[in-house]
Amino acid sequence: MKRFLQRFMGDRSGIIFAGVVAITFIVLSSIVWLACALIVNRTFDGFLPILLECDPRALATSQMALNAFGVSIVVVDVMFLVWWGLSSQKVESQEMPRY
């Protein structure tokens, strides 16, 4: 079992490694987006009285920027899942390894 785990940890081109990278990135990017969304929303909630008196368009602009940030993270997450799916389609054998 120990030898299997060492070989598994050393396999940098395997489908499991690609899946771990993809899922880890998706989870971490979602956490980053959540933290940034909370910070931005709390900040603009605090500035809301000032923004309504000065320029109410700033709130809408900040919300659009936050939505664009969220969409970009979703697009990158989908690209990682596609990459994981495509990497699972690799065909290799012991006789002819792919370099």
Protein backbone atom coordinates (compact mmCIF):
# COMPACT_ATOMS: atom_id res chain seq x y z
CA MET A 1 0.00 0.00 0.00
CA LYS A 2 2.84 2.39 0.83
CA ARG A 3 4.44 1.76 -2.55
CA PHE A 4 1.12 2.39 -4.29
CA LEU A 5 0.67 5.71 -2.48
CA GLN A 6 4.22 6.80 -3.34
CA ARG A 7 3.65 5.94 -7.00
CA PHE A 8 0.28 7.70 -6.91
CA MET A 9 1.78 10.87 -5.40
CA GLY A 10 4.57 10.85 -7.99
CA ASP A 11 2.22 10.50 -10.97
CA ARG A 12 1.87 14.08 -12.19
CA SER A 13 0.13 13.26 -15.46
CA GLY A 14 -2.61 10.95 -14.18
CA ILE A 15 -6.32 11.59 -14.36
CA ILE A 16 -6.64 11.59 -10.58
CA PHE A 17 -4.03 14.31 -10.24
CA ALA A 18 -5.79 16.39 -12.90
CA GLY A 19 -9.08 15.91 -11.07
CA VAL A 20 -7.59 16.91 -7.73
CA VAL A 21 -6.13 20.06 -9.30
CA ALA A 22 -9.44 20.94 -10.98
CA ILE A 23 -11.63 20.37 -7.94
CA THR A 24 -9.19 22.12 -5.59
CA PHE A 25 -9.12 25.15 -7.85
CA ILE A 26 -12.91 25.23 -8.09
CA VAL A 27 -13.33 25.10 -4.32
CA LEU A 28 -10.63 27.69 -3.64
CA SER A 29 -11.85 30.07 -6.34
CA SER A 30 -15.36 29.87 -4.93
CA ILE A 31 -14.05 30.72 -1.46
CA VAL A 32 -12.07 33.67 -2.87
CA TRP A 33 -15.14 34.91 -4.73
CA LEU A 34 -17.25 34.63 -1.60
CA ALA A 35 -14.72 36.56 0.48
CA CYS A 36 -14.39 39.29 -2.15
CA ALA A 37 -18.16 39.53 -2.55
CA LEU A 38 -18.63 39.92 1.19
CA ILE A 39 -15.96 42.61 1.42
CA VAL A 40 -17.29 44.58 -1.54
CA ASN A 41 -20.92 44.32 -0.46
CA ARG A 42 -20.15 45.34 3.12
CA THR A 43 -18.03 48.26 1.93
CA PHE A 44 -20.70 49.54 -0.41
CA ASP A 45 -23.39 49.07 2.22
CA GLY A 46 -21.36 51.40 4.40
CA PHE A 47 -20.92 53.92 1.58
CA LEU A 48 -24.55 53.70 0.43
CA PRO A 49 -25.72 56.95 2.06
CA ILE A 50 -22.79 58.84 0.55
CA LEU A 51 -23.23 57.24 -2.87
CA LEU A 52 -26.94 58.04 -2.99
CA GLU A 53 -26.20 61.72 -2.30
CA CYS A 54 -23.15 62.01 -4.58
CA ASP A 55 -23.48 59.57 -7.48
CA PRO A 56 -25.94 56.65 -7.36
CA ARG A 57 -24.40 55.13 -10.51
CA ALA A 58 -21.32 54.03 -8.53
CA LEU A 59 -23.31 51.37 -6.70
CA ALA A 60 -24.64 49.87 -9.93
CA THR A 61 -21.16 49.96 -11.45
CA SER A 62 -19.64 48.16 -8.49
CA GLN A 63 -22.35 45.52 -8.57
CA MET A 64 -21.76 44.93 -12.29
CA ALA A 65 -18.04 44.56 -11.63
CA LEU A 66 -18.75 42.04 -8.87
CA ASN A 67 -21.05 40.08 -11.18
CA ALA A 68 -18.42 40.10 -13.94
CA PHE A 69 -15.88 38.77 -11.43
CA GLY A 70 -18.26 35.96 -10.46
CA VAL A 71 -18.93 35.06 -14.09
CA SER A 72 -15.21 34.96 -14.85
CA ILE A 73 -14.67 32.52 -11.97
CA VAL A 74 -17.49 30.30 -13.22
CA VAL A 75 -15.99 30.33 -16.74
CA VAL A 76 -12.57 29.35 -15.39
CA ASP A 77 -14.16 26.59 -13.30
CA VAL A 78 -15.93 25.22 -16.37
CA MET A 79 -12.67 25.35 -18.32
CA PHE A 80 -10.96 23.32 -15.58
CA LEU A 81 -13.73 20.71 -15.73
CA VAL A 82 -13.38 20.53 -19.53
CA TRP A 83 -9.61 20.17 -19.15
CA TRP A 84 -10.15 17.36 -16.64
CA GLY A 85 -12.57 15.64 -19.02
CA LEU A 86 -10.21 15.94 -21.96
CA SER A 87 -7.26 14.70 -19.95
CA SER A 88 -9.25 11.61 -18.99
CA GLN A 89 -9.50 10.73 -22.69
CA LYS A 90 -5.75 10.21 -23.02
CA VAL A 91 -4.83 6.74 -24.19
CA GLU A 92 -1.44 5.37 -23.16
CA SER A 93 0.10 1.96 -22.80
CA GLN A 94 3.22 0.59 -21.21
CA GLU A 95 4.67 -0.16 -24.65
CA MET A 96 4.15 3.34 -26.05
CA PRO A 97 4.13 6.02 -23.34
CA ARG A 98 3.18 9.50 -24.42
CA TYR A 99 5.84 12.18 -23.91
